[in-house]
């Protein structure tokens, strides 16, 4: 019998720094899309499909720790684990492969003057969401993980979730905001818009919401989408959604014609100017990361001053900015049309969410 391991167990091993070797047997192309942090790549996929061990027959691996094999869906990795077990290694296959791993997560804690921020990092997908606690209250921004994760984290810190925010209608992952608000009894708050077809409390430019001792202020920052908003917490941090990343800006073209995309790019230019007007020490917390997120507790964030080091060169003129962001667009996210439809309707998918969410996020222009 070939040994297996599930995503939660491997996540716990990596988080606790238990010695383990993760061997990714996928093709070079698939590996380049997304990977498990710290994993070793041995391209044996085609050989395994042909019933051959390929490079796994001779690959040098440590024999003093478990070896976990990984592929896209957990089938070829079973064969890889069998090959390595025959060689005497304590080998096991990751159940569900990278599709299942897309729900793996870890956290980083960031103290602010009036609040504590817990960055919840979906390391298997690159999605970043936030639990912000102050006093005995908390808010969640852009939840992309099951509701229980945020509720359990809040209870661990002695917080009650009072507000659930979305920065915009997402295109690369299914929103868990509606379910989290229902499960926690929180107020669901979305930017003012006509897209969402379910009940929510709208937030508008200049709005202010109290979370314990902290104040959350709303800045309308259209561009990536028409309704996109950013949230400033007590003047110390700004949660920018997919408007501004630590190394790029939000793409303006999804669900838009070429001309509409250019108009959104013009809106994005002015939204970025508004964000640049915040104090340089303001921490920028985006909704996505472009690389797999290690289990290191180090937040994905940057000061606005550091971000401005490269952003200022992008914002020399509106026309130059529009040309830049509309000429460097990455491929569209997989299944984004269906994901947007579900996020607008608030409905749950009729398939496993990981089937829709598989693959890297592609909401940034760099």
Protein backbone atom coordinates (compact mmCIF):
# COMPACT_ATOMS: atom_id res chain seq x y z
CA UNK A 1 0.00 0.00 0.00
CA UNK A 2 1.41 3.39 -1.04
CA UNK A 3 1.43 5.92 1.79
CA UNK A 4 -0.40 9.24 1.35
CA UNK A 5 -0.58 12.55 3.18
CA UNK A 6 -3.29 15.21 3.09
CA UNK A 7 -2.89 18.95 2.69
CA UNK A 8 -3.61 19.79 6.34
CA UNK A 9 -0.98 17.37 7.62
CA UNK A 10 1.69 18.60 5.21
CA UNK A 11 0.78 22.19 6.08
CA UNK A 12 1.22 21.40 9.79
CA UNK A 13 4.59 19.74 9.10
CA UNK A 14 5.88 22.75 7.19
CA UNK A 15 4.53 25.23 9.73
CA UNK A 16 6.16 23.35 12.61
CA UNK A 17 9.41 23.01 10.59
CA UNK A 18 9.32 19.23 10.77
CA UNK A 19 12.05 17.76 8.51
CA UNK A 20 10.49 16.69 5.21
CA UNK A 21 11.45 16.71 1.54
CA UNK A 22 8.71 17.71 -0.89
CA UNK A 23 9.41 16.41 -4.40
CA UNK A 24 7.46 18.07 -7.21
CA UNK A 25 7.33 15.67 -10.20
CA UNK A 26 5.36 17.93 -12.55
CA UNK A 27 6.49 19.31 -15.89
CA UNK A 28 8.59 22.46 -16.06
CA UNK A 29 5.59 24.40 -17.38
CA UNK A 30 3.28 23.34 -14.56
CA UNK A 31 5.97 23.94 -11.96
CA UNK A 32 6.44 27.49 -13.23
CA UNK A 33 2.77 28.28 -12.59
CA UNK A 34 2.89 27.63 -8.82
CA UNK A 35 4.78 25.43 -6.39
CA UNK A 36 5.06 24.47 -2.72
CA UNK A 37 7.66 26.67 -0.98
CA UNK A 38 10.98 24.87 -0.55
CA UNK A 39 10.01 21.92 -2.74
CA UNK A 40 12.51 20.07 -4.93
CA UNK A 41 11.64 19.83 -8.62
CA UNK A 42 12.35 16.59 -10.47
CA UNK A 43 10.61 16.58 -13.86
CA UNK A 44 9.50 12.98 -14.06
CA UNK A 45 5.91 13.47 -15.19
CA UNK A 46 6.21 12.18 -18.78
CA UNK A 47 8.33 9.23 -17.69
CA UNK A 48 5.82 8.28 -14.99
CA UNK A 49 2.95 8.48 -17.49
CA UNK A 50 4.92 6.06 -19.68
CA UNK A 51 5.37 3.71 -16.74
CA UNK A 52 9.03 4.55 -16.26
CA UNK A 53 10.70 6.02 -13.15
CA UNK A 54 12.67 8.62 -15.11
CA UNK A 55 14.96 10.80 -13.02
CA UNK A 56 13.43 9.44 -9.82
CA UNK A 57 15.40 6.23 -10.29
CA UNK A 58 18.67 7.91 -9.39
CA UNK A 59 17.74 11.24 -7.77
CA UNK A 60 19.78 11.78 -4.59
CA UNK A 61 17.46 12.40 -1.63
CA UNK A 62 18.03 12.41 2.14
CA UNK A 63 16.97 9.16 3.79
CA UNK A 64 16.53 10.55 7.31
CA UNK A 65 13.12 12.19 6.76
CA UNK A 66 9.82 11.56 4.93
CA UNK A 67 9.60 12.34 1.22
CA UNK A 68 6.30 13.74 -0.07
CA UNK A 69 5.66 13.54 -3.81
CA UNK A 70 3.43 16.09 -5.54
CA UNK A 71 1.80 16.39 -8.97
CA UNK A 72 -1.19 18.33 -10.29
CA UNK A 73 -4.04 16.11 -9.05
CA UNK A 74 -2.39 13.37 -6.98
CA UNK A 75 -2.21 10.54 -9.53
CA UNK A 76 1.31 10.59 -10.95
CA UNK A 77 2.60 11.38 -7.46
CA UNK A 78 1.30 7.97 -6.33
CA UNK A 79 3.53 6.34 -8.91
CA UNK A 80 6.41 8.58 -7.86
CA UNK A 81 5.96 7.59 -4.22
CA UNK A 82 5.96 3.91 -5.23
CA UNK A 83 9.27 4.36 -7.09
CA UNK A 84 10.88 6.06 -4.10
CA UNK A 85 9.47 3.53 -1.64
CA UNK A 86 11.07 0.77 -3.72
CA UNK A 87 14.37 2.61 -3.25
CA UNK A 88 13.88 2.51 0.50
CA UNK A 89 12.63 6.02 1.18
CA UNK A 90 9.76 6.82 3.55
CA UNK A 91 7.70 8.15 0.64
CA UNK A 92 4.09 9.29 0.53
CA UNK A 93 1.92 11.04 -2.06
CA UNK A 94 0.05 14.31 -1.49
CA UNK A 95 -3.66 13.54 -1.84
CA UNK A 96 -5.27 15.79 -4.46
CA UNK A 97 -1.95 17.26 -5.56
CA UNK A 98 -1.59 20.97 -6.20
CA UNK A 99 -5.35 21.38 -6.59
CA UNK A 100 -5.83 20.36 -2.98
CA UNK A 101 -2.77 22.36 -1.93
CA UNK A 102 -4.44 25.53 -3.22
CA UNK A 103 -6.25 25.71 0.15
CA UNK A 104 -3.07 25.44 2.24
CA UNK A 105 -2.42 28.53 4.35
CA UNK A 106 -0.19 30.14 6.92
CA UNK A 107 -0.16 33.43 8.82
CA UNK A 108 1.97 36.43 9.72
CA UNK A 109 1.24 38.79 12.62
CA UNK A 110 1.82 42.55 12.33
CA UNK A 111 1.29 44.86 15.33
CA UNK A 112 -0.05 48.37 14.68
CA UNK A 113 -0.56 51.14 17.22
CA UNK A 114 -4.33 50.61 17.60
CA UNK A 115 -4.72 47.11 16.18
CA UNK A 116 -3.10 43.79 15.37
CA UNK A 117 -3.17 42.49 11.81
CA UNK A 118 -3.13 38.77 11.05
CA UNK A 119 -2.24 38.22 7.41
CA UNK A 120 -3.84 34.95 6.33
CA UNK A 121 -1.81 33.72 3.39
CA UNK A 122 -3.25 31.14 1.03
CA UNK A 123 0.19 29.84 0.15
CA UNK A 124 -1.13 27.40 -2.43
CA UNK A 125 -2.80 30.22 -4.38
CA UNK A 126 -1.17 33.50 -3.37
CA UNK A 127 -4.36 35.05 -1.98
CA UNK A 128 -3.89 37.35 1.01
CA UNK A 129 -6.69 38.12 3.44
CA UNK A 130 -6.65 39.96 6.74
CA UNK A 131 -8.01 39.59 10.24
CA UNK A 132 -7.73 42.95 12.02
CA UNK A 133 -8.31 42.96 15.76
CA UNK A 134 -8.58 45.79 18.26
CA UNK A 135 -9.92 45.53 21.80
CA UNK A 136 -12.31 42.60 21.64
CA UNK A 137 -13.54 43.28 18.09
CA UNK A 138 -12.25 42.26 14.68
CA UNK A 139 -12.81 42.78 10.97
CA UNK A 140 -11.88 40.55 8.05
CA UNK A 141 -10.86 41.87 4.64
CA UNK A 142 -11.07 39.77 1.44
CA UNK A 143 -11.64 36.31 2.96
CA UNK A 144 -10.59 33.59 0.52
CA UNK A 145 -10.46 30.68 2.97
CA UNK A 146 -13.28 28.74 4.67
CA UNK A 147 -15.07 30.71 7.39
CA UNK A 148 -13.92 28.44 10.23
CA UNK A 149 -10.32 29.54 9.76
CA UNK A 150 -11.10 33.20 10.48
CA UNK A 151 -13.52 32.40 13.29
CA UNK A 152 -11.01 30.11 15.00
CA UNK A 153 -8.18 32.65 14.62
CA UNK A 154 -10.36 35.41 16.06
CA UNK A 155 -11.31 33.26 19.05
CA UNK A 156 -7.63 32.48 19.64
CA UNK A 157 -6.97 36.21 20.02
CA UNK A 158 -10.12 36.91 22.05
CA UNK A 159 -11.82 38.82 19.23
CA UNK A 160 -15.37 38.77 17.92
CA UNK A 161 -15.68 39.35 14.16
CA UNK A 162 -18.00 42.34 13.73
CA UNK A 163 -17.33 43.31 10.09
CA UNK A 164 -16.45 41.47 6.88
CA UNK A 165 -15.16 43.61 4.01
CA UNK A 166 -14.42 42.98 0.36
CA UNK A 167 -12.23 45.40 -1.58
CA UNK A 168 -13.94 44.42 -4.87
CA UNK A 169 -15.59 41.56 -6.76
CA UNK A 170 -12.75 39.08 -7.18
CA UNK A 171 -12.01 37.20 -10.42
CA UNK A 172 -9.43 34.59 -9.37
CA UNK A 173 -10.92 33.07 -6.22
CA UNK A 174 -14.34 32.44 -4.75
CA UNK A 175 -15.27 34.93 -2.07
CA UNK A 176 -16.02 33.48 1.36
CA UNK A 177 -17.22 36.86 2.66
CA UNK A 178 -20.94 36.16 2.59
CA UNK A 179 -20.60 32.82 4.36
CA UNK A 180 -18.20 34.27 6.94
CA UNK A 181 -20.57 37.14 7.72
CA UNK A 182 -23.47 34.72 8.16
CA UNK A 183 -21.47 32.30 10.30
CA UNK A 184 -19.96 35.00 12.54
CA UNK A 185 -22.96 37.32 12.74
CA UNK A 186 -20.86 40.14 11.27
CA UNK A 187 -21.98 42.98 9.00
CA UNK A 188 -21.09 42.29 5.37
CA UNK A 189 -19.64 45.46 3.83
CA UNK A 190 -18.82 45.87 0.13
CA UNK A 191 -17.91 48.96 -1.91
CA UNK A 192 -20.94 50.81 -3.26
CA UNK A 193 -21.86 49.14 -6.59
CA UNK A 194 -24.57 47.54 -8.72
CA UNK A 195 -22.78 44.23 -9.40
CA UNK A 196 -23.47 42.13 -6.29
CA UNK A 197 -26.91 40.55 -6.37
CA UNK A 198 -27.26 39.86 -2.64
CA UNK A 199 -27.79 41.97 0.46
CA UNK A 200 -24.81 43.87 1.86
CA UNK A 201 -24.05 47.15 3.59
CA UNK A 202 -22.36 49.50 1.11
CA UNK A 203 -19.32 51.56 2.03
CA UNK A 204 -18.55 54.76 0.16
CA UNK A 205 -15.54 57.00 -0.31
CA UNK A 206 -14.75 58.78 2.94
CA UNK A 207 -16.72 56.35 5.09
CA UNK A 208 -15.38 55.45 8.54
CA UNK A 209 -16.04 52.26 10.51
CA UNK A 210 -14.92 51.68 14.07
CA UNK A 211 -13.28 48.35 14.94
CA UNK A 212 -12.51 48.34 18.66
CA UNK A 213 -10.05 51.21 19.19
CA UNK A 214 -9.12 51.38 15.50
CA UNK A 215 -10.79 53.37 12.73
CA UNK A 216 -11.12 51.97 9.23
CA UNK A 217 -11.45 54.64 6.52
CA UNK A 218 -12.64 54.00 2.96
CA UNK A 219 -10.91 55.28 -0.19
CA UNK A 220 -12.64 54.62 -3.52
CA UNK A 221 -9.83 53.39 -5.81
CA UNK A 222 -11.41 52.32 -9.12
CA UNK A 223 -9.34 50.89 -11.94
CA UNK A 224 -8.89 47.16 -11.44
CA UNK A 225 -12.68 47.16 -11.17
CA UNK A 226 -15.09 50.08 -11.13
CA UNK A 227 -16.07 49.52 -7.50
CA UNK A 228 -12.61 48.80 -6.04
CA UNK A 229 -11.93 50.35 -2.65
CA UNK A 230 -8.94 50.50 -0.31
CA UNK A 231 -9.19 50.60 3.46
CA UNK A 232 -6.91 52.64 5.73
CA UNK A 233 -6.62 51.49 9.34
CA UNK A 234 -5.81 54.23 11.86
CA UNK A 235 -3.51 55.95 9.37
CA UNK A 236 -0.91 53.19 9.77
CA UNK A 237 -1.80 50.68 7.06
CA UNK A 238 -3.74 50.54 3.81
CA UNK A 239 -5.39 47.40 2.48
CA UNK A 240 -5.33 47.86 -1.27
CA UNK A 241 -7.03 44.75 -2.65
CA UNK A 242 -5.94 44.32 -6.26
CA UNK A 243 -5.37 48.04 -6.84
CA UNK A 244 -1.77 48.19 -5.65
CA UNK A 245 0.67 45.37 -4.90
CA UNK A 246 4.14 45.53 -3.40
CA UNK A 247 5.61 45.06 -6.89
CA UNK A 248 2.85 45.86 -9.37
CA UNK A 249 -0.62 47.27 -9.97
CA UNK A 250 -4.01 45.73 -10.69
CA UNK A 251 -4.82 44.79 -14.26
CA UNK A 252 -7.67 46.91 -15.70
CA UNK A 253 -8.92 44.62 -18.47
CA UNK A 254 -10.93 41.78 -16.90
CA UNK A 255 -14.57 41.75 -18.04
CA UNK A 256 -13.89 44.82 -20.19
CA UNK A 257 -13.54 45.72 -23.86
CA UNK A 258 -10.25 47.18 -25.07
CA UNK A 259 -11.56 50.75 -24.74
CA UNK A 260 -13.19 50.06 -21.40
CA UNK A 261 -9.88 48.60 -20.23
CA UNK A 262 -8.08 51.79 -21.22
CA UNK A 263 -10.69 53.87 -19.39
CA UNK A 264 -10.19 51.75 -16.30
CA UNK A 265 -6.45 52.23 -16.64
CA UNK A 266 -7.03 55.99 -16.57
CA UNK A 267 -9.10 55.59 -13.41
CA UNK A 268 -6.38 53.40 -11.92
CA UNK A 269 -3.78 56.11 -12.58
CA UNK A 270 -5.73 58.61 -10.47
CA UNK A 271 -6.49 56.03 -7.76
CA UNK A 272 -2.76 55.37 -7.41
CA UNK A 273 -2.13 59.10 -7.10
CA UNK A 274 -4.59 59.15 -4.19
CA UNK A 275 -2.81 56.27 -2.49
CA UNK A 276 0.58 57.94 -3.01
CA UNK A 277 -0.72 60.91 -1.01
CA UNK A 278 -0.82 58.78 2.14
CA UNK A 279 2.17 59.10 4.53
CA UNK A 280 5.31 57.25 3.28
CA UNK A 281 5.40 55.09 6.44
CA UNK A 282 1.94 53.65 5.68
CA UNK A 283 2.16 49.88 5.26
CA UNK A 284 0.70 48.54 2.02
CA UNK A 285 -1.15 45.22 2.39
CA UNK A 286 -2.31 43.81 -0.98
CA UNK A 287 -4.78 41.01 -1.69
CA UNK A 288 -2.33 38.81 -3.58
CA UNK A 289 1.28 37.70 -3.75
CA UNK A 290 3.04 36.70 -6.96
CA UNK A 291 5.11 33.87 -5.47
CA UNK A 292 4.39 30.87 -3.21
CA UNK A 293 4.40 32.10 0.38
CA UNK A 294 6.87 30.42 2.70
CA UNK A 295 5.96 29.29 6.22
CA UNK A 296 8.23 31.96 7.67
CA UNK A 297 5.84 34.36 9.43
CA UNK A 298 7.20 37.28 7.39
CA UNK A 299 4.38 39.53 6.13
CA UNK A 300 3.87 40.30 2.46
CA UNK A 301 3.87 44.08 2.82
CA UNK A 302 5.92 47.18 2.13
CA UNK A 303 5.91 50.79 3.21
CA UNK A 304 4.33 53.22 0.79
CA UNK A 305 7.68 54.99 0.62
CA UNK A 306 9.36 51.79 -0.61
CA UNK A 307 6.55 51.13 -3.08
CA UNK A 308 6.85 54.67 -4.38
CA UNK A 309 10.47 53.93 -5.27
CA UNK A 310 9.24 52.08 -8.35
CA UNK A 311 5.66 53.38 -8.62
CA UNK A 312 6.74 56.99 -9.17
CA UNK A 313 8.34 55.94 -12.45
CA UNK A 314 5.03 54.48 -13.60
CA UNK A 315 3.06 57.64 -12.84
CA UNK A 316 4.98 60.25 -14.81
CA UNK A 317 1.92 60.83 -17.00
CA UNK A 318 -1.55 59.40 -17.48
CA UNK A 319 -0.92 58.46 -21.12
CA UNK A 320 2.37 56.69 -20.38
CA UNK A 321 0.76 54.77 -17.52
CA UNK A 322 -2.21 53.67 -19.65
CA UNK A 323 0.11 52.44 -22.38
CA UNK A 324 2.27 50.56 -19.92
CA UNK A 325 -0.48 48.67 -18.08
CA UNK A 326 -2.50 47.83 -21.20
CA UNK A 327 0.50 46.53 -23.15
CA UNK A 328 1.88 44.20 -20.43
CA UNK A 329 -1.23 42.22 -19.55
CA UNK A 330 -0.66 38.63 -18.34
CA UNK A 331 -2.90 35.74 -19.47
CA UNK A 332 -6.39 35.89 -18.02
CA UNK A 333 -7.00 33.87 -14.82
CA UNK A 334 -8.44 30.39 -15.43
CA UNK A 335 -12.23 30.17 -15.05
CA UNK A 336 -12.45 33.87 -14.18
CA UNK A 337 -15.80 34.37 -15.94
CA UNK A 338 -17.45 31.65 -13.85
CA UNK A 339 -15.77 32.84 -10.66
CA UNK A 340 -16.98 36.40 -11.24
CA UNK A 341 -20.51 35.15 -11.92
CA UNK A 342 -20.54 33.25 -8.62
CA UNK A 343 -19.05 36.16 -6.68
CA UNK A 344 -21.63 38.54 -8.12
CA UNK A 345 -24.52 36.21 -7.34
CA UNK A 346 -23.21 35.10 -3.95
CA UNK A 347 -24.01 31.50 -4.85
CA UNK A 348 -21.90 28.48 -3.92
CA UNK A 349 -20.37 26.54 -6.83
CA UNK A 350 -21.80 23.16 -7.84
CA UNK A 351 -18.28 21.72 -8.01
CA UNK A 352 -15.30 21.50 -5.68
CA UNK A 353 -14.05 25.12 -5.34
CA UNK A 354 -10.48 23.99 -6.00
CA UNK A 355 -11.55 22.87 -9.47
CA UNK A 356 -12.41 26.49 -10.30
CA UNK A 357 -9.57 28.10 -8.37
CA UNK A 358 -6.68 25.93 -9.59
CA UNK A 359 -3.69 27.80 -10.96
CA UNK A 360 -1.81 30.96 -10.13
CA UNK A 361 -3.54 34.29 -9.66
CA UNK A 362 -3.07 36.71 -12.55
CA UNK A 363 -4.56 39.98 -11.36
CA UNK A 364 -1.36 42.07 -11.46
CA UNK A 365 0.63 43.99 -14.04
CA UNK A 366 4.33 44.20 -13.24
